[in-house]
Amino acid sequence: MTTSATANLLNTQTEVTDADQSSLMSATQKQAIAELRDRGFAVVVFSPEELGCVSRDRLESRLVADGNEHIEDITELENN
């Protein structure tokens, strides 16, 4: 899978919709996300609370498909 999921946390360059969610990830998980981003990966993470009853697999598949379209669109915009 080419698209992953992230929560940007203060020092790890990850975005969080709610400050309380930062406690859901361990320091090791936050570090792994930061390392992936440092290596050029785009990472997006949704907490279990944000997902609610939505199928994680279905959302990931949709995000990958949508992400690939956005990559193409942004590439075209940036090359013009």
N, C-alpha and C. Protein backbone atom coordinates (compact mmCIF):
# COMPACT_ATOMS: atom_id res chain seq x y z
N MET A 1 0.85 -1.17 0.00
CA MET A 1 0.00 0.00 0.00
C MET A 1 0.90 1.23 0.00
N THR A 2 0.57 2.20 -0.84
CA THR A 2 1.43 3.37 -0.98
C THR A 2 1.07 4.51 -0.04
N THR A 3 -0.12 4.49 0.50
CA THR A 3 -0.52 5.58 1.39
C THR A 3 -0.71 5.00 2.79
N SER A 4 -0.16 5.65 3.76
CA SER A 4 -0.31 5.24 5.15
C SER A 4 -1.11 6.28 5.88
N ALA A 5 -1.39 6.02 7.11
CA ALA A 5 -2.17 6.94 7.90
C ALA A 5 -1.33 7.55 9.03
N THR A 6 -1.49 8.90 9.37
CA THR A 6 -0.67 9.64 10.37
C THR A 6 -1.44 10.54 11.30
N ALA A 7 -0.90 10.80 12.44
CA ALA A 7 -1.37 11.89 13.30
C ALA A 7 -0.17 12.78 13.52
N ASN A 8 -0.20 14.00 13.08
CA ASN A 8 0.94 14.91 13.26
C ASN A 8 0.97 15.36 14.71
N LEU A 9 2.04 15.06 15.38
CA LEU A 9 2.17 15.38 16.79
C LEU A 9 3.31 16.36 16.96
N LEU A 10 3.07 17.45 17.65
CA LEU A 10 4.02 18.52 17.90
C LEU A 10 5.40 18.31 17.31
N ASN A 11 6.26 17.60 17.95
CA ASN A 11 7.65 17.49 17.51
C ASN A 11 7.87 16.46 16.42
N THR A 12 6.85 15.69 16.03
CA THR A 12 7.04 14.66 15.02
C THR A 12 6.42 15.05 13.69
N GLN A 13 6.04 16.30 13.53
CA GLN A 13 5.47 16.83 12.29
C GLN A 13 4.20 16.07 11.88
N THR A 14 3.36 15.74 12.82
CA THR A 14 2.11 15.05 12.53
C THR A 14 0.95 15.89 13.00
N GLU A 15 -0.19 15.83 12.32
CA GLU A 15 -1.34 16.65 12.68
C GLU A 15 -2.33 15.83 13.50
N VAL A 16 -2.89 16.47 14.53
CA VAL A 16 -3.87 15.82 15.38
C VAL A 16 -5.08 16.72 15.48
N THR A 17 -6.27 16.13 15.36
CA THR A 17 -7.48 16.92 15.44
C THR A 17 -7.85 17.23 16.88
N ASP A 18 -7.33 16.46 17.83
CA ASP A 18 -7.65 16.66 19.23
C ASP A 18 -6.41 16.34 20.05
N ALA A 19 -6.01 17.24 20.92
CA ALA A 19 -4.78 17.05 21.70
C ALA A 19 -4.79 15.75 22.49
N ASP A 20 -5.96 15.30 22.93
CA ASP A 20 -6.05 14.06 23.70
C ASP A 20 -5.62 12.85 22.89
N GLN A 21 -5.72 12.91 21.57
CA GLN A 21 -5.39 11.76 20.75
C GLN A 21 -3.90 11.47 20.74
N SER A 22 -3.08 12.44 21.06
CA SER A 22 -1.64 12.21 21.06
C SER A 22 -1.24 11.12 22.04
N SER A 23 -2.03 10.91 23.08
CA SER A 23 -1.73 9.88 24.06
C SER A 23 -2.07 8.48 23.56
N LEU A 24 -2.76 8.37 22.42
CA LEU A 24 -3.11 7.07 21.88
C LEU A 24 -1.92 6.37 21.23
N MET A 25 -0.89 7.10 20.89
CA MET A 25 0.28 6.53 20.24
C MET A 25 1.46 6.49 21.20
N SER A 26 2.22 5.41 21.08
CA SER A 26 3.43 5.31 21.90
C SER A 26 4.52 6.17 21.28
N ALA A 27 5.55 6.42 22.05
CA ALA A 27 6.69 7.20 21.55
C ALA A 27 7.32 6.50 20.35
N THR A 28 7.37 5.17 20.37
CA THR A 28 7.94 4.41 19.26
C THR A 28 7.11 4.59 18.00
N GLN A 29 5.78 4.58 18.13
CA GLN A 29 4.91 4.79 16.98
C GLN A 29 5.08 6.19 16.41
N LYS A 30 5.14 7.18 17.29
CA LYS A 30 5.35 8.56 16.84
C LYS A 30 6.68 8.70 16.12
N GLN A 31 7.70 8.03 16.64
CA GLN A 31 9.03 8.09 16.02
C GLN A 31 9.00 7.43 14.65
N ALA A 32 8.30 6.30 14.53
CA ALA A 32 8.21 5.61 13.24
C ALA A 32 7.55 6.51 12.19
N ILE A 33 6.51 7.21 12.59
CA ILE A 33 5.82 8.14 11.68
C ILE A 33 6.76 9.26 11.27
N ALA A 34 7.47 9.82 12.22
CA ALA A 34 8.40 10.91 11.92
C ALA A 34 9.50 10.44 10.97
N GLU A 35 10.00 9.23 11.19
CA GLU A 35 11.05 8.69 10.32
C GLU A 35 10.54 8.48 8.91
N LEU A 36 9.33 7.97 8.77
CA LEU A 36 8.74 7.79 7.44
C LEU A 36 8.62 9.13 6.73
N ARG A 37 8.12 10.13 7.44
CA ARG A 37 7.97 11.45 6.84
C ARG A 37 9.32 12.04 6.47
N ASP A 38 10.32 11.85 7.32
CA ASP A 38 11.66 12.34 7.03
C ASP A 38 12.23 11.70 5.76
N ARG A 39 11.80 10.48 5.47
CA ARG A 39 12.26 9.77 4.28
C ARG A 39 11.41 10.08 3.06
N GLY A 40 10.42 10.98 3.20
CA GLY A 40 9.63 11.43 2.06
C GLY A 40 8.27 10.79 1.91
N PHE A 41 7.88 9.95 2.84
CA PHE A 41 6.56 9.32 2.77
C PHE A 41 5.48 10.30 3.22
N ALA A 42 4.32 10.23 2.59
CA ALA A 42 3.14 10.96 3.06
C ALA A 42 2.40 9.99 3.98
N VAL A 43 2.11 10.43 5.19
CA VAL A 43 1.51 9.55 6.19
C VAL A 43 0.27 10.21 6.78
N VAL A 44 -0.80 9.45 6.88
CA VAL A 44 -2.04 9.94 7.48
C VAL A 44 -2.54 8.87 8.45
N VAL A 45 -2.90 9.29 9.67
CA VAL A 45 -3.39 8.34 10.66
C VAL A 45 -4.71 8.84 11.22
N PHE A 46 -5.66 7.95 11.32
CA PHE A 46 -6.94 8.24 11.97
C PHE A 46 -7.02 7.36 13.21
N SER A 47 -7.42 7.95 14.32
CA SER A 47 -7.54 7.20 15.56
C SER A 47 -8.77 6.29 15.48
N PRO A 48 -8.81 5.26 16.32
CA PRO A 48 -10.00 4.42 16.36
C PRO A 48 -11.27 5.22 16.65
N GLU A 49 -11.14 6.27 17.47
CA GLU A 49 -12.30 7.10 17.77
C GLU A 49 -12.78 7.84 16.53
N GLU A 50 -11.84 8.34 15.72
CA GLU A 50 -12.21 9.03 14.49
C GLU A 50 -12.87 8.07 13.50
N LEU A 51 -12.37 6.85 13.44
CA LEU A 51 -12.93 5.86 12.52
C LEU A 51 -14.33 5.42 12.93
N GLY A 52 -14.57 5.37 14.22
CA GLY A 52 -15.87 4.91 14.68
C GLY A 52 -16.14 3.51 14.15
N CYS A 53 -17.28 3.33 13.50
CA CYS A 53 -17.64 2.01 12.98
C CYS A 53 -17.25 1.84 11.50
N VAL A 54 -16.52 2.79 10.95
CA VAL A 54 -16.10 2.71 9.54
C VAL A 54 -15.04 1.62 9.40
N SER A 55 -15.15 0.82 8.34
CA SER A 55 -14.17 -0.22 8.07
C SER A 55 -12.82 0.40 7.75
N ARG A 56 -11.83 0.05 8.52
CA ARG A 56 -10.47 0.56 8.32
C ARG A 56 -9.96 0.18 6.93
N ASP A 57 -10.18 -1.06 6.51
CA ASP A 57 -9.72 -1.52 5.20
C ASP A 57 -10.38 -0.75 4.06
N ARG A 58 -11.68 -0.52 4.18
CA ARG A 58 -12.38 0.22 3.12
C ARG A 58 -11.89 1.66 3.04
N LEU A 59 -11.69 2.29 4.19
CA LEU A 59 -11.20 3.67 4.20
C LEU A 59 -9.80 3.74 3.60
N GLU A 60 -8.92 2.82 3.98
CA GLU A 60 -7.57 2.80 3.44
C GLU A 60 -7.59 2.66 1.92
N SER A 61 -8.42 1.78 1.41
CA SER A 61 -8.52 1.59 -0.05
C SER A 61 -8.98 2.86 -0.73
N ARG A 62 -9.97 3.53 -0.15
CA ARG A 62 -10.46 4.79 -0.73
C ARG A 62 -9.39 5.87 -0.68
N LEU A 63 -8.68 5.96 0.44
CA LEU A 63 -7.63 6.97 0.57
C LEU A 63 -6.51 6.75 -0.43
N VAL A 64 -6.15 5.49 -0.68
CA VAL A 64 -5.11 5.19 -1.67
C VAL A 64 -5.57 5.63 -3.05
N ALA A 65 -6.80 5.26 -3.43
CA ALA A 65 -7.32 5.63 -4.75
C ALA A 65 -7.40 7.15 -4.88
N ASP A 66 -7.97 7.81 -3.89
CA ASP A 66 -8.08 9.27 -3.94
C ASP A 66 -6.70 9.92 -3.91
N GLY A 67 -5.81 9.38 -3.10
CA GLY A 67 -4.47 9.93 -3.00
C GLY A 67 -3.72 9.87 -4.32
N ASN A 68 -3.86 8.75 -5.03
CA ASN A 68 -3.19 8.63 -6.33
C ASN A 68 -3.71 9.66 -7.32
N GLU A 69 -5.01 9.92 -7.30
CA GLU A 69 -5.58 10.96 -8.17
C GLU A 69 -5.04 12.34 -7.79
N HIS A 70 -4.97 12.60 -6.50
CA HIS A 70 -4.46 13.90 -6.03
C HIS A 70 -2.98 14.07 -6.40
N ILE A 71 -2.22 13.00 -6.31
CA ILE A 71 -0.80 13.07 -6.69
C ILE A 71 -0.68 13.47 -8.15
N GLU A 72 -1.49 12.85 -9.01
CA GLU A 72 -1.47 13.20 -10.44
C GLU A 72 -1.86 14.66 -10.64
N ASP A 73 -2.95 15.10 -9.98
CA ASP A 73 -3.42 16.48 -10.12
C ASP A 73 -2.36 17.48 -9.66
N ILE A 74 -1.80 17.24 -8.50
CA ILE A 74 -0.81 18.16 -7.94
C ILE A 74 0.45 18.17 -8.80
N THR A 75 0.84 17.01 -9.31
CA THR A 75 2.01 16.94 -10.19
C THR A 75 1.80 17.80 -11.42
N GLU A 76 0.61 17.71 -12.01
CA GLU A 76 0.29 18.54 -13.19
C GLU A 76 0.34 20.02 -12.84
N LEU A 77 -0.25 20.40 -11.71
CA LEU A 77 -0.26 21.80 -11.30
C LEU A 77 1.15 22.33 -11.05
N GLU A 78 1.97 21.52 -10.41
CA GLU A 78 3.32 21.97 -10.07
C GLU A 78 4.24 22.00 -11.28
N ASN A 79 3.91 21.24 -12.32
CA ASN A 79 4.74 21.22 -13.52
C ASN A 79 4.32 22.26 -14.55
N ASN A 80 3.27 23.00 -14.26
CA ASN A 80 2.80 24.04 -15.19
C ASN A 80 3.13 25.42 -14.67
